[in-house]
Amino acid sequence: MPDAYLVRQGAAAERYGARVAEDLREAGLAVVLNGGGGNFKSQMKKADASGARFAVIVGDDEAGSGVVSVKPLREAGEQKRASVAEAIDLIKRSVNGE
């Protein structure tokens, strides 16, 4: 089961999202990078169906700001905007049961 499913929407988000996925993987997280395109809603359905704990969302706004949005998929919680480092920490703490 992946730790995160990366959802991307927009031209800048495509490039930035690929770098974010690399950073998450380098931090030891299992990441699925949406590669089939599709609108935001269809990508979120794929994220949920993947069994991932979190959706990491990258749009052109996030790409321009150098942040991501992290949405829990398996537990209650609010979607949060965070730096990539903060997102890694948040996901790792959840995976490790902290």
PDB file of N, CA and C in Angstrom:
ATOM      1  N   MET A   1       0.840  -1.177   0.000  1.00  0.00           N
ATOM      2  CA  MET A   1       0.000   0.000   0.000  1.00  0.00           C
ATOM      3  C   MET A   1       0.894   1.253   0.000  1.00  0.00           C
ATOM      4  N   PRO A   2       0.638   2.168  -0.921  1.00  0.00           N
ATOM      5  CA  PRO A   2       1.479   3.380  -0.963  1.00  0.00           C
ATOM      6  C   PRO A   2       1.200   4.313   0.209  1.00  0.00           C
ATOM      7  N   ASP A   3       2.210   5.064   0.576  1.00  0.00           N
ATOM      8  CA  ASP A   3       2.049   6.077   1.615  1.00  0.00           C
ATOM      9  C   ASP A   3       1.328   7.301   1.054  1.00  0.00           C
ATOM     10  N   ALA A   4       1.624   7.629  -0.204  1.00  0.00           N
ATOM     11  CA  ALA A   4       1.052   8.833  -0.813  1.00  0.00           C
ATOM     12  C   ALA A   4       0.784   8.607  -2.296  1.00  0.00           C
ATOM     13  N   TYR A   5      -0.238   9.287  -2.773  1.00  0.00           N
ATOM     14  CA  TYR A   5      -0.583   9.306  -4.199  1.00  0.00           C
ATOM     15  C   TYR A   5      -0.509  10.756  -4.622  1.00  0.00           C
ATOM     16  N   LEU A   6       0.332  11.053  -5.598  1.00  0.00           N
ATOM     17  CA  LEU A   6       0.554  12.433  -6.001  1.00  0.00           C
ATOM     18  C   LEU A   6      -0.380  12.794  -7.151  1.00  0.00           C
ATOM     19  N   VAL A   7      -1.223  13.780  -6.910  1.00  0.00           N
ATOM     20  CA  VAL A   7      -2.192  14.289  -7.878  1.00  0.00           C
ATOM     21  C   VAL A   7      -1.653  15.597  -8.432  1.00  0.00           C
ATOM     22  N   ARG A   8      -1.645  15.727  -9.771  1.00  0.00           N
ATOM     23  CA  ARG A   8      -1.117  16.949 -10.403  1.00  0.00           C
ATOM     24  C   ARG A   8      -2.151  17.517 -11.368  1.00  0.00           C
ATOM     25  N   GLN A   9      -2.273  18.831 -11.389  1.00  0.00           N
ATOM     26  CA  GLN A   9      -3.185  19.490 -12.317  1.00  0.00           C
ATOM     27  C   GLN A   9      -2.554  20.781 -12.798  1.00  0.00           C
ATOM     28  N   GLY A  10      -2.206  20.844 -14.083  1.00  0.00           N
ATOM     29  CA  GLY A  10      -1.624  22.048 -14.666  1.00  0.00           C
ATOM     30  C   GLY A  10      -0.227  21.796 -15.192  1.00  0.00           C
ATOM     31  N   ALA A  11       0.195  22.649 -16.114  1.00  0.00           N
ATOM     32  CA  ALA A  11       1.501  22.473 -16.767  1.00  0.00           C
ATOM     33  C   ALA A  11       2.662  22.607 -15.785  1.00  0.00           C
ATOM     34  N   ALA A  12       2.659  23.660 -14.976  1.00  0.00           N
ATOM     35  CA  ALA A  12       3.738  23.843 -13.998  1.00  0.00           C
ATOM     36  C   ALA A  12       3.690  22.730 -12.957  1.00  0.00           C
ATOM     37  N   ALA A  13       2.485  22.298 -12.616  1.00  0.00           N
ATOM     38  CA  ALA A  13       2.318  21.242 -11.615  1.00  0.00           C
ATOM     39  C   ALA A  13       2.881  19.912 -12.100  1.00  0.00           C
ATOM     40  N   GLU A  14       2.831  19.648 -13.394  1.00  0.00           N
ATOM     41  CA  GLU A  14       3.389  18.406 -13.937  1.00  0.00           C
ATOM     42  C   GLU A  14       4.877  18.323 -13.618  1.00  0.00           C
ATOM     43  N   ARG A  15       5.606  19.397 -13.899  1.00  0.00           N
ATOM     44  CA  ARG A  15       7.058  19.413 -13.659  1.00  0.00           C
ATOM     45  C   ARG A  15       7.373  19.407 -12.163  1.00  0.00           C
ATOM     46  N   TYR A  16       6.722  20.284 -11.422  1.00  0.00           N
ATOM     47  CA  TYR A  16       6.974  20.379  -9.982  1.00  0.00           C
ATOM     48  C   TYR A  16       6.591  19.081  -9.273  1.00  0.00           C
ATOM     49  N   GLY A  17       5.483  18.488  -9.681  1.00  0.00           N
ATOM     50  CA  GLY A  17       5.016  17.249  -9.061  1.00  0.00           C
ATOM     51  C   GLY A  17       6.004  16.111  -9.212  1.00  0.00           C
ATOM     52  N   ALA A  18       6.667  16.038 -10.365  1.00  0.00           N
ATOM     53  CA  ALA A  18       7.669  14.989 -10.573  1.00  0.00           C
ATOM     54  C   ALA A  18       8.821  15.158  -9.579  1.00  0.00           C
ATOM     55  N   ARG A  19       9.240  16.399  -9.343  1.00  0.00           N
ATOM     56  CA  ARG A  19      10.317  16.657  -8.368  1.00  0.00           C
ATOM     57  C   ARG A  19       9.853  16.326  -6.950  1.00  0.00           C
ATOM     58  N   VAL A  20       8.596  16.668  -6.637  1.00  0.00           N
ATOM     59  CA  VAL A  20       8.053  16.366  -5.300  1.00  0.00           C
ATOM     60  C   VAL A  20       8.043  14.855  -5.082  1.00  0.00           C
ATOM     61  N   ALA A  21       7.609  14.102  -6.096  1.00  0.00           N
ATOM     62  CA  ALA A  21       7.578  12.637  -5.971  1.00  0.00           C
ATOM     63  C   ALA A  21       8.979  12.096  -5.696  1.00  0.00           C
ATOM     64  N   GLU A  22       9.986  12.625  -6.384  1.00  0.00           N
ATOM     65  CA  GLU A  22      11.374  12.196  -6.142  1.00  0.00           C
ATOM     66  C   GLU A  22      11.779  12.479  -4.704  1.00  0.00           C
ATOM     67  N   ASP A  23      11.443  13.671  -4.202  1.00  0.00           N
ATOM     68  CA  ASP A  23      11.796  14.034  -2.828  1.00  0.00           C
ATOM     69  C   ASP A  23      11.129  13.094  -1.824  1.00  0.00           C
ATOM     70  N   LEU A  24       9.856  12.781  -2.056  1.00  0.00           N
ATOM     71  CA  LEU A  24       9.145  11.880  -1.149  1.00  0.00           C
ATOM     72  C   LEU A  24       9.776  10.491  -1.166  1.00  0.00           C
ATOM     73  N   ARG A  25      10.119  10.017  -2.342  1.00  0.00           N
ATOM     74  CA  ARG A  25      10.747   8.689  -2.454  1.00  0.00           C
ATOM     75  C   ARG A  25      12.119   8.669  -1.796  1.00  0.00           C
ATOM     76  N   GLU A  26      12.888   9.738  -1.993  1.00  0.00           N
ATOM     77  CA  GLU A  26      14.212   9.809  -1.374  1.00  0.00           C
ATOM     78  C   GLU A  26      14.107   9.804   0.152  1.00  0.00           C
ATOM     79  N   ALA A  27      12.959  10.254   0.677  1.00  0.00           N
ATOM     80  CA  ALA A  27      12.735  10.255   2.123  1.00  0.00           C
ATOM     81  C   ALA A  27      12.244   8.887   2.615  1.00  0.00           C
ATOM     82  N   GLY A  28      12.139   7.928   1.701  1.00  0.00           N
ATOM     83  CA  GLY A  28      11.763   6.574   2.088  1.00  0.00           C
ATOM     84  C   GLY A  28      10.275   6.277   2.014  1.00  0.00           C
ATOM     85  N   LEU A  29       9.509   7.160   1.410  1.00  0.00           N
ATOM     86  CA  LEU A  29       8.068   6.952   1.294  1.00  0.00           C
ATOM     87  C   LEU A  29       7.717   6.253  -0.012  1.00  0.00           C
ATOM     88  N   ALA A  30       6.689   5.419   0.036  1.00  0.00           N
ATOM     89  CA  ALA A  30       6.174   4.757  -1.167  1.00  0.00           C
ATOM     90  C   ALA A  30       5.164   5.705  -1.815  1.00  0.00           C
ATOM     91  N   VAL A  31       5.454   6.120  -3.054  1.00  0.00           N
ATOM     92  CA  VAL A  31       4.648   7.142  -3.722  1.00  0.00           C
ATOM     93  C   VAL A  31       4.192   6.645  -5.086  1.00  0.00           C
ATOM     94  N   VAL A  32       2.906   6.863  -5.373  1.00  0.00           N
ATOM     95  CA  VAL A  32       2.373   6.626  -6.709  1.00  0.00           C
ATOM     96  C   VAL A  32       2.175   7.993  -7.341  1.00  0.00           C
ATOM     97  N   LEU A  33       2.737   8.173  -8.526  1.00  0.00           N
ATOM     98  CA  LEU A  33       2.614   9.433  -9.260  1.00  0.00           C
ATOM     99  C   LEU A  33       1.594   9.228 -10.364  1.00  0.00           C
ATOM    100  N   ASN A  34       0.486   9.967 -10.307  1.00  0.00           N
ATOM    101  CA  ASN A  34      -0.536   9.814 -11.338  1.00  0.00           C
ATOM    102  C   ASN A  34       0.080  10.097 -12.700  1.00  0.00           C
ATOM    103  N   GLY A  35      -0.022   9.143 -13.597  1.00  0.00           N
ATOM    104  CA  GLY A  35       0.576   9.310 -14.912  1.00  0.00           C
ATOM    105  C   GLY A  35      -0.431   9.322 -16.034  1.00  0.00           C
ATOM    106  N   GLY A  36      -1.701   9.073 -15.721  1.00  0.00           N
ATOM    107  CA  GLY A  36      -2.706   8.955 -16.758  1.00  0.00           C
ATOM    108  C   GLY A  36      -3.477  10.209 -17.051  1.00  0.00           C
ATOM    109  N   GLY A  37      -3.050  11.346 -16.490  1.00  0.00           N
ATOM    110  CA  GLY A  37      -3.794  12.573 -16.718  1.00  0.00           C
ATOM    111  C   GLY A  37      -5.138  12.512 -16.021  1.00  0.00           C
ATOM    112  N   GLY A  38      -6.116  13.146 -16.617  1.00  0.00           N
ATOM    113  CA  GLY A  38      -7.449  13.176 -16.033  1.00  0.00           C
ATOM    114  C   GLY A  38      -7.655  14.414 -15.193  1.00  0.00           C
ATOM    115  N   ASN A  39      -8.918  14.733 -14.973  1.00  0.00           N
ATOM    116  CA  ASN A  39      -9.208  15.912 -14.174  1.00  0.00           C
ATOM    117  C   ASN A  39      -8.963  15.628 -12.694  1.00  0.00           C
ATOM    118  N   PHE A  40      -9.092  16.670 -11.899  1.00  0.00           N
ATOM    119  CA  PHE A  40      -8.790  16.554 -10.474  1.00  0.00           C
ATOM    120  C   PHE A  40      -9.651  15.483  -9.807  1.00  0.00           C
ATOM    121  N   LYS A  41     -10.944  15.491 -10.099  1.00  0.00           N
ATOM    122  CA  LYS A  41     -11.860  14.544  -9.463  1.00  0.00           C
ATOM    123  C   LYS A  41     -11.495  13.100  -9.797  1.00  0.00           C
ATOM    124  N   SER A  42     -11.173  12.828 -11.053  1.00  0.00           N
ATOM    125  CA  SER A  42     -10.816  11.450 -11.426  1.00  0.00           C
ATOM    126  C   SER A  42      -9.495  11.033 -10.794  1.00  0.00           C
ATOM    127  N   GLN A  43      -8.551  11.962 -10.683  1.00  0.00           N
ATOM    128  CA  GLN A  43      -7.278  11.643 -10.037  1.00  0.00           C
ATOM    129  C   GLN A  43      -7.484  11.356  -8.549  1.00  0.00           C
ATOM    130  N   MET A  44      -8.382  12.099  -7.896  1.00  0.00           N
ATOM    131  CA  MET A  44      -8.652  11.850  -6.477  1.00  0.00           C
ATOM    132  C   MET A  44      -9.320  10.483  -6.292  1.00  0.00           C
ATOM    133  N   LYS A  45     -10.165  10.079  -7.225  1.00  0.00           N
ATOM    134  CA  LYS A  45     -10.771   8.742  -7.162  1.00  0.00           C
ATOM    135  C   LYS A  45      -9.695   7.671  -7.275  1.00  0.00           C
ATOM    136  N   LYS A  46      -8.734   7.888  -8.179  1.00  0.00           N
ATOM    137  CA  LYS A  46      -7.620   6.939  -8.328  1.00  0.00           C
ATOM    138  C   LYS A  46      -6.782   6.899  -7.050  1.00  0.00           C
ATOM    139  N   ALA A  47      -6.574   8.060  -6.446  1.00  0.00           N
ATOM    140  CA  ALA A  47      -5.803   8.127  -5.194  1.00  0.00           C
ATOM    141  C   ALA A  47      -6.484   7.300  -4.117  1.00  0.00           C
ATOM    142  N   ASP A  48      -7.797   7.449  -3.993  1.00  0.00           N
ATOM    143  CA  ASP A  48      -8.543   6.701  -2.982  1.00  0.00           C
ATOM    144  C   ASP A  48      -8.497   5.206  -3.276  1.00  0.00           C
ATOM    145  N   ALA A  49      -8.683   4.849  -4.542  1.00  0.00           N
ATOM    146  CA  ALA A  49      -8.687   3.431  -4.931  1.00  0.00           C
ATOM    147  C   ALA A  49      -7.315   2.782  -4.762  1.00  0.00           C
ATOM    148  N   SER A  50      -6.248   3.586  -4.770  1.00  0.00           N
ATOM    149  CA  SER A  50      -4.891   3.044  -4.648  1.00  0.00           C
ATOM    150  C   SER A  50      -4.617   2.502  -3.247  1.00  0.00           C
ATOM    151  N   GLY A  51      -5.412   2.932  -2.267  1.00  0.00           N
ATOM    152  CA  GLY A  51      -5.174   2.533  -0.888  1.00  0.00           C
ATOM    153  C   GLY A  51      -4.169   3.423  -0.171  1.00  0.00           C
ATOM    154  N   ALA A  52      -3.704   4.471  -0.840  1.00  0.00           N
ATOM    155  CA  ALA A  52      -2.725   5.373  -0.230  1.00  0.00           C
ATOM    156  C   ALA A  52      -3.300   6.035   1.015  1.00  0.00           C
ATOM    157  N   ARG A  53      -2.417   6.324   1.959  1.00  0.00           N
ATOM    158  CA  ARG A  53      -2.839   7.007   3.188  1.00  0.00           C
ATOM    159  C   ARG A  53      -3.139   8.480   2.936  1.00  0.00           C
ATOM    160  N   PHE A  54      -2.394   9.097   2.015  1.00  0.00           N
ATOM    161  CA  PHE A  54      -2.518  10.529   1.753  1.00  0.00           C
ATOM    162  C   PHE A  54      -2.534  10.808   0.259  1.00  0.00           C
ATOM    163  N   ALA A  55      -3.259  11.853  -0.117  1.00  0.00           N
ATOM    164  CA  ALA A  55      -3.122  12.436  -1.444  1.00  0.00           C
ATOM    165  C   ALA A  55      -2.234  13.665  -1.272  1.00  0.00           C
ATOM    166  N   VAL A  56      -1.211  13.742  -2.090  1.00  0.00           N
ATOM    167  CA  VAL A  56      -0.368  14.931  -2.122  1.00  0.00           C
ATOM    168  C   VAL A  56      -0.769  15.659  -3.396  1.00  0.00           C
ATOM    169  N   ILE A  57      -1.315  16.853  -3.237  1.00  0.00           N
ATOM    170  CA  ILE A  57      -1.931  17.579  -4.343  1.00  0.00           C
ATOM    171  C   ILE A  57      -1.031  18.728  -4.777  1.00  0.00           C
ATOM    172  N   VAL A  58      -0.778  18.772  -6.083  1.00  0.00           N
ATOM    173  CA  VAL A  58       0.043  19.830  -6.655  1.00  0.00           C
ATOM    174  C   VAL A  58      -0.714  20.434  -7.830  1.00  0.00           C
ATOM    175  N   GLY A  59      -1.065  21.697  -7.690  1.00  0.00           N
ATOM    176  CA  GLY A  59      -1.637  22.470  -8.780  1.00  0.00           C
ATOM    177  C   GLY A  59      -0.648  23.547  -9.169  1.00  0.00           C
ATOM    178  N   ASP A  60      -0.997  24.329 -10.161  1.00  0.00           N
ATOM    179  CA  ASP A  60      -0.093  25.396 -10.574  1.00  0.00           C
ATOM    180  C   ASP A  60       0.139  26.413  -9.453  1.00  0.00           C
ATOM    181  N   ASP A  61      -0.874  26.643  -8.591  1.00  0.00           N
ATOM    182  CA  ASP A  61      -0.699  27.559  -7.452  1.00  0.00           C
ATOM    183  C   ASP A  61       0.368  27.029  -6.502  1.00  0.00           C
ATOM    184  N   GLU A  62       0.265  25.737  -6.168  1.00  0.00           N
ATOM    185  CA  GLU A  62       1.259  25.127  -5.273  1.00  0.00           C
ATOM    186  C   GLU A  62       2.643  25.165  -5.912  1.00  0.00           C
ATOM    187  N   ALA A  63       2.710  24.833  -7.202  1.00  0.00           N
ATOM    188  CA  ALA A  63       4.003  24.832  -7.895  1.00  0.00           C
ATOM    189  C   ALA A  63       4.642  26.216  -7.856  1.00  0.00           C
ATOM    190  N   GLY A  64       3.836  27.250  -8.046  1.00  0.00           N
ATOM    191  CA  GLY A  64       4.354  28.616  -8.022  1.00  0.00           C
ATOM    192  C   GLY A  64       4.824  29.050  -6.642  1.00  0.00           C
ATOM    193  N   SER A  65       4.233  28.458  -5.604  1.00  0.00           N
ATOM    194  CA  SER A  65       4.579  28.811  -4.224  1.00  0.00           C
ATOM    195  C   SER A  65       5.594  27.857  -3.608  1.00  0.00           C
ATOM    196  N   GLY A  66       5.908  26.756  -4.298  1.00  0.00           N
ATOM    197  CA  GLY A  66       6.862  25.786  -3.764  1.00  0.00           C
ATOM    198  C   GLY A  66       6.320  24.980  -2.601  1.00  0.00           C
ATOM    199  N   VAL A  67       4.999  24.736  -2.583  1.00  0.00           N
ATOM    200  CA  VAL A  67       4.372  23.970  -1.519  1.00  0.00           C
ATOM    201  C   VAL A  67       3.527  22.853  -2.130  1.00  0.00           C
ATOM    202  N   VAL A  68       2.928  22.037  -1.272  1.00  0.00           N
ATOM    203  CA  VAL A  68       1.978  21.005  -1.683  1.00  0.00           C
ATOM    204  C   VAL A  68       0.786  21.066  -0.731  1.00  0.00           C
ATOM    205  N   SER A  69      -0.300  20.422  -1.114  1.00  0.00           N
ATOM    206  CA  SER A  69      -1.425  20.223  -0.201  1.00  0.00           C
ATOM    207  C   SER A  69      -1.464  18.744   0.129  1.00  0.00           C
ATOM    208  N   VAL A  70      -1.660  18.429   1.397  1.00  0.00           N
ATOM    209  CA  VAL A  70      -1.684  17.045   1.858  1.00  0.00           C
ATOM    210  C   VAL A  70      -3.073  16.753   2.412  1.00  0.00           C
ATOM    211  N   LYS A  71      -3.729  15.737   1.847  1.00  0.00           N
ATOM    212  CA  LYS A  71      -5.077  15.375   2.271  1.00  0.00           C
ATOM    213  C   LYS A  71      -5.082  13.938   2.772  1.00  0.00           C
ATOM    214  N   PRO A  72      -5.472  13.720   4.042  1.00  0.00           N
ATOM    215  CA  PRO A  72      -5.576  12.346   4.542  1.00  0.00           C
ATOM    216  C   PRO A  72      -6.698  11.606   3.816  1.00  0.00           C
ATOM    217  N   LEU A  73      -6.450  10.355   3.445  1.00  0.00           N
ATOM    218  CA  LEU A  73      -7.458   9.550   2.760  1.00  0.00           C
ATOM    219  C   LEU A  73      -8.003   8.426   3.629  1.00  0.00           C
ATOM    220  N   ARG A  74      -7.280   8.019   4.658  1.00  0.00           N
ATOM    221  CA  ARG A  74      -7.695   6.875   5.478  1.00  0.00           C
ATOM    222  C   ARG A  74      -8.101   7.245   6.894  1.00  0.00           C
ATOM    223  N   GLU A  75      -7.955   8.494   7.255  1.00  0.00           N
ATOM    224  CA  GLU A  75      -8.307   8.927   8.606  1.00  0.00           C
ATOM    225  C   GLU A  75      -8.885  10.328   8.528  1.00  0.00           C
ATOM    226  N   ALA A  76      -9.584  10.716   9.559  1.00  0.00           N
ATOM    227  CA  ALA A  76     -10.158  12.055   9.601  1.00  0.00           C
ATOM    228  C   ALA A  76      -9.035  13.080   9.678  1.00  0.00           C
ATOM    229  N   GLY A  77      -9.252  14.196   9.070  1.00  0.00           N
ATOM    230  CA  GLY A  77      -8.257  15.255   9.131  1.00  0.00           C
ATOM    231  C   GLY A  77      -8.481  16.251   8.018  1.00  0.00           C
ATOM    232  N   GLU A  78      -7.981  17.426   8.228  1.00  0.00           N
ATOM    233  CA  GLU A  78      -8.120  18.500   7.259  1.00  0.00           C
ATOM    234  C   GLU A  78      -7.000  18.454   6.232  1.00  0.00           C
ATOM    235  N   GLN A  79      -7.303  18.935   5.040  1.00  0.00           N
ATOM    236  CA  GLN A  79      -6.268  19.120   4.021  1.00  0.00           C
ATOM    237  C   GLN A  79      -5.395  20.289   4.466  1.00  0.00           C
ATOM    238  N   LYS A  80      -4.064  20.129   4.340  1.00  0.00           N
ATOM    239  CA  LYS A  80      -3.131  21.158   4.800  1.00  0.00           C
ATOM    240  C   LYS A  80      -2.168  21.521   3.689  1.00  0.00           C
ATOM    241  N   ARG A  81      -1.845  22.803   3.590  1.00  0.00           N
ATOM    242  CA  ARG A  81      -0.764  23.255   2.705  1.00  0.00           C
ATOM    243  C   ARG A  81       0.522  23.182   3.504  1.00  0.00           C
ATOM    244  N   ALA A  82       1.573  22.689   2.885  1.00  0.00           N
ATOM    245  CA  ALA A  82       2.833  22.514   3.610  1.00  0.00           C
ATOM    246  C   ALA A  82       3.994  22.556   2.628  1.00  0.00           C
ATOM    247  N   SER A  83       5.166  22.832   3.159  1.00  0.00           N
ATOM    248  CA  SER A  83       6.374  22.671   2.349  1.00  0.00           C
ATOM    249  C   SER A  83       6.564  21.180   2.108  1.00  0.00           C
ATOM    250  N   VAL A  84       7.403  20.827   1.169  1.00  0.00           N
ATOM    251  CA  VAL A  84       7.656  19.412   0.900  1.00  0.00           C
ATOM    252  C   VAL A  84       8.241  18.741   2.146  1.00  0.00           C
ATOM    253  N   ALA A  85       9.159  19.420   2.834  1.00  0.00           N
ATOM    254  CA  ALA A  85       9.751  18.856   4.053  1.00  0.00           C
ATOM    255  C   ALA A  85       8.692  18.631   5.126  1.00  0.00           C
ATOM    256  N   GLU A  86       7.775  19.582   5.284  1.00  0.00           N
ATOM    257  CA  GLU A  86       6.697  19.420   6.266  1.00  0.00           C
ATOM    258  C   GLU A  86       5.767  18.274   5.868  1.00  0.00           C
ATOM    259  N   ALA A  87       5.496  18.143   4.570  1.00  0.00           N
ATOM    260  CA  ALA A  87       4.644  17.050   4.088  1.00  0.00           C
ATOM    261  C   ALA A  87       5.293  15.702   4.377  1.00  0.00           C
ATOM    262  N   ILE A  88       6.589  15.600   4.139  1.00  0.00           N
ATOM    263  CA  ILE A  88       7.313  14.356   4.422  1.00  0.00           C
ATOM    264  C   ILE A  88       7.194  14.019   5.901  1.00  0.00           C
ATOM    265  N   ASP A  89       7.417  15.011   6.760  1.00  0.00           N
ATOM    266  CA  ASP A  89       7.330  14.790   8.206  1.00  0.00           C
ATOM    267  C   ASP A  89       5.924  14.348   8.609  1.00  0.00           C
ATOM    268  N   LEU A  90       4.918  15.015   8.092  1.00  0.00           N
ATOM    269  CA  LEU A  90       3.524  14.683   8.415  1.00  0.00           C
ATOM    270  C   LEU A  90       3.189  13.247   7.998  1.00  0.00           C
ATOM    271  N   ILE A  91       3.572  12.877   6.790  1.00  0.00           N
ATOM    272  CA  ILE A  91       3.274  11.533   6.295  1.00  0.00           C
ATOM    273  C   ILE A  91       4.044  10.488   7.086  1.00  0.00           C
ATOM    274  N   LYS A  92       5.322  10.740   7.339  1.00  0.00           N
ATOM    275  CA  LYS A  92       6.135   9.766   8.088  1.00  0.00           C
ATOM    276  C   LYS A  92       5.586   9.554   9.496  1.00  0.00           C
ATOM    277  N   ARG A  93       5.165  10.648  10.153  1.00  0.00           N
ATOM    278  CA  ARG A  93       4.615  10.511  11.508  1.00  0.00           C
ATOM    279  C   ARG A  93       3.351   9.658  11.489  1.00  0.00           C
ATOM    280  N   SER A  94       2.526   9.818  10.486  1.00  0.00           N
ATOM    281  CA  SER A  94       1.300   9.016  10.377  1.00  0.00           C
ATOM    282  C   SER A  94       1.625   7.558  10.091  1.00  0.00           C
ATOM    283  N   VAL A  95       2.562   7.319   9.180  1.00  0.00           N
ATOM    284  CA  VAL A  95       2.958   5.957   8.824  1.00  0.00           C
ATOM    285  C   VAL A  95       3.542   5.229  10.026  1.00  0.00           C
ATOM    286  N   ASN A  96       4.292   5.959  10.852  1.00  0.00           N
ATOM    287  CA  ASN A  96       4.925   5.372  12.029  1.00  0.00           C
ATOM    288  C   ASN A  96       4.012   5.364  13.251  1.00  0.00           C
ATOM    289  N   GLY A  97       2.770   5.805  13.082  1.00  0.00           N
ATOM    290  CA  GLY A  97       1.811   5.764  14.165  1.00  0.00           C
ATOM    291  C   GLY A  97       2.032   6.793  15.251  1.00  0.00           C
ATOM    292  N   GLU A  98       2.646   7.893  14.915  1.00  0.00           N
ATOM    293  CA  GLU A  98       2.916   8.945  15.922  1.00  0.00           C
ATOM    294  C   GLU A  98       1.775   9.936  15.979  1.00  0.00           C
TER     295      GLU A  98
END
